[in-house]
Amino acid sequence: MTPQQNTLKIAWLDECNKCKFSEYANVHTTKGRDDYLYEGDYVSCPNCDNEGCIETDMGCAYVSWEYEE
């Protein structure tokens, strides 16, 4: 049985580097919650559909956007 994937609206991640939307990012995760995300969780911008993934460093999560300026 495959775990169910949830979509979370996360407001504390960095803004989208493509369109600068900063209200929230959609994080698609099977294990994460509003205050704890996992390496490899898929991220999308609800404004321009830019994509990325969650990366972690020393217990801190951040988004690595696909679009590079």
C-alpha atoms as a PDB file:
ATOM      1  CA  MET A   1       0.000   0.000   0.000  1.00  0.00           C
ATOM      2  CA  THR A   2       1.398   3.409  -1.029  1.00  0.00           C
ATOM      3  CA  PRO A   3       1.255   6.178   1.611  1.00  0.00           C
ATOM      4  CA  GLN A   4      -1.181   8.979   0.826  1.00  0.00           C
ATOM      5  CA  GLN A   5       0.395  12.203  -0.360  1.00  0.00           C
ATOM      6  CA  ASN A   6      -0.791  15.458   1.220  1.00  0.00           C
ATOM      7  CA  THR A   7      -0.459  18.988  -0.109  1.00  0.00           C
ATOM      8  CA  LEU A   8       0.490  21.561   2.511  1.00  0.00           C
ATOM      9  CA  LYS A   9       0.475  25.358   2.113  1.00  0.00           C
ATOM     10  CA  ILE A  10       3.747  26.380   3.766  1.00  0.00           C
ATOM     11  CA  ALA A  11       4.202  30.113   4.434  1.00  0.00           C
ATOM     12  CA  TRP A  12       7.678  29.999   6.018  1.00  0.00           C
ATOM     13  CA  LEU A  13       9.678  28.878   2.951  1.00  0.00           C
ATOM     14  CA  ASP A  14      11.650  31.271   0.732  1.00  0.00           C
ATOM     15  CA  GLU A  15       9.808  33.129  -2.012  1.00  0.00           C
ATOM     16  CA  CYS A  16       9.640  31.678  -5.501  1.00  0.00           C
ATOM     17  CA  ASN A  17      12.778  32.742  -7.322  1.00  0.00           C
ATOM     18  CA  LYS A  18      10.945  32.926 -10.662  1.00  0.00           C
ATOM     19  CA  CYS A  19       7.913  35.141  -9.882  1.00  0.00           C
ATOM     20  CA  LYS A  20       8.752  36.309  -6.311  1.00  0.00           C
ATOM     21  CA  PHE A  21       5.447  34.975  -4.909  1.00  0.00           C
ATOM     22  CA  SER A  22       5.946  34.743  -1.142  1.00  0.00           C
ATOM     23  CA  GLU A  23       2.564  34.048   0.530  1.00  0.00           C
ATOM     24  CA  TYR A  24       3.076  30.280   0.552  1.00  0.00           C
ATOM     25  CA  ALA A  25       4.414  27.315  -1.412  1.00  0.00           C
ATOM     26  CA  ASN A  26       2.591  24.044  -2.020  1.00  0.00           C
ATOM     27  CA  VAL A  27       4.553  21.159  -0.524  1.00  0.00           C
ATOM     28  CA  HIS A  28       3.549  17.655  -1.586  1.00  0.00           C
ATOM     29  CA  THR A  29       4.583  15.159   1.074  1.00  0.00           C
ATOM     30  CA  THR A  30       3.745  11.756   2.500  1.00  0.00           C
ATOM     31  CA  LYS A  31       5.290  12.316   5.944  1.00  0.00           C
ATOM     32  CA  GLY A  32       5.668  16.074   6.416  1.00  0.00           C
ATOM     33  CA  ARG A  33       3.487  18.417   8.412  1.00  0.00           C
ATOM     34  CA  ASP A  34       3.151  22.208   8.709  1.00  0.00           C
ATOM     35  CA  ASP A  35       6.186  22.521  10.971  1.00  0.00           C
ATOM     36  CA  TYR A  36       8.374  19.641   9.724  1.00  0.00           C
ATOM     37  CA  LEU A  37       9.270  18.842   6.108  1.00  0.00           C
ATOM     38  CA  TYR A  38      11.413  16.070   4.653  1.00  0.00           C
ATOM     39  CA  GLU A  39      14.327  16.041   2.210  1.00  0.00           C
ATOM     40  CA  GLY A  40      12.950  15.372  -1.269  1.00  0.00           C
ATOM     41  CA  ASP A  41       9.396  16.628  -0.669  1.00  0.00           C
ATOM     42  CA  TYR A  42       8.120  18.140  -3.921  1.00  0.00           C
ATOM     43  CA  VAL A  43       7.395  21.909  -3.931  1.00  0.00           C
ATOM     44  CA  SER A  44       5.406  23.992  -6.405  1.00  0.00           C
ATOM     45  CA  CYS A  45       4.612  27.690  -6.660  1.00  0.00           C
ATOM     46  CA  PRO A  46       0.840  28.279  -6.864  1.00  0.00           C
ATOM     47  CA  ASN A  47       1.401  31.471  -8.857  1.00  0.00           C
ATOM     48  CA  CYS A  48       3.691  30.390 -11.726  1.00  0.00           C
ATOM     49  CA  ASP A  49       4.021  26.580 -11.364  1.00  0.00           C
ATOM     50  CA  ASN A  50       7.776  26.764 -10.721  1.00  0.00           C
ATOM     51  CA  GLU A  51       8.903  23.482  -9.168  1.00  0.00           C
ATOM     52  CA  GLY A  52      11.489  22.476  -6.645  1.00  0.00           C
ATOM     53  CA  CYS A  53      12.209  20.189  -3.747  1.00  0.00           C
ATOM     54  CA  ILE A  54      12.896  20.413  -0.053  1.00  0.00           C
ATOM     55  CA  GLU A  55      16.508  20.153   1.017  1.00  0.00           C
ATOM     56  CA  THR A  56      17.757  20.052   4.583  1.00  0.00           C
ATOM     57  CA  ASP A  57      20.902  21.213   6.328  1.00  0.00           C
ATOM     58  CA  MET A  58      21.566  20.601  10.021  1.00  0.00           C
ATOM     59  CA  GLY A  59      17.880  20.113  10.762  1.00  0.00           C
ATOM     60  CA  CYS A  60      16.677  23.156   8.802  1.00  0.00           C
ATOM     61  CA  ALA A  61      14.489  22.738   5.726  1.00  0.00           C
ATOM     62  CA  TYR A  62      14.541  25.027   2.712  1.00  0.00           C
ATOM     63  CA  VAL A  63      13.301  24.931  -0.858  1.00  0.00           C
ATOM     64  CA  SER A  64      15.629  24.474  -3.805  1.00  0.00           C
ATOM     65  CA  TRP A  65      13.759  25.913  -6.789  1.00  0.00           C
ATOM     66  CA  GLU A  66      14.307  24.418 -10.251  1.00  0.00           C
ATOM     67  CA  TYR A  67      14.281  27.768 -12.035  1.00  0.00           C
ATOM     68  CA  GLU A  68      17.664  29.454 -11.773  1.00  0.00           C
ATOM     69  CA  GLU A  69      17.949  33.201 -12.159  1.00  0.00           C
END
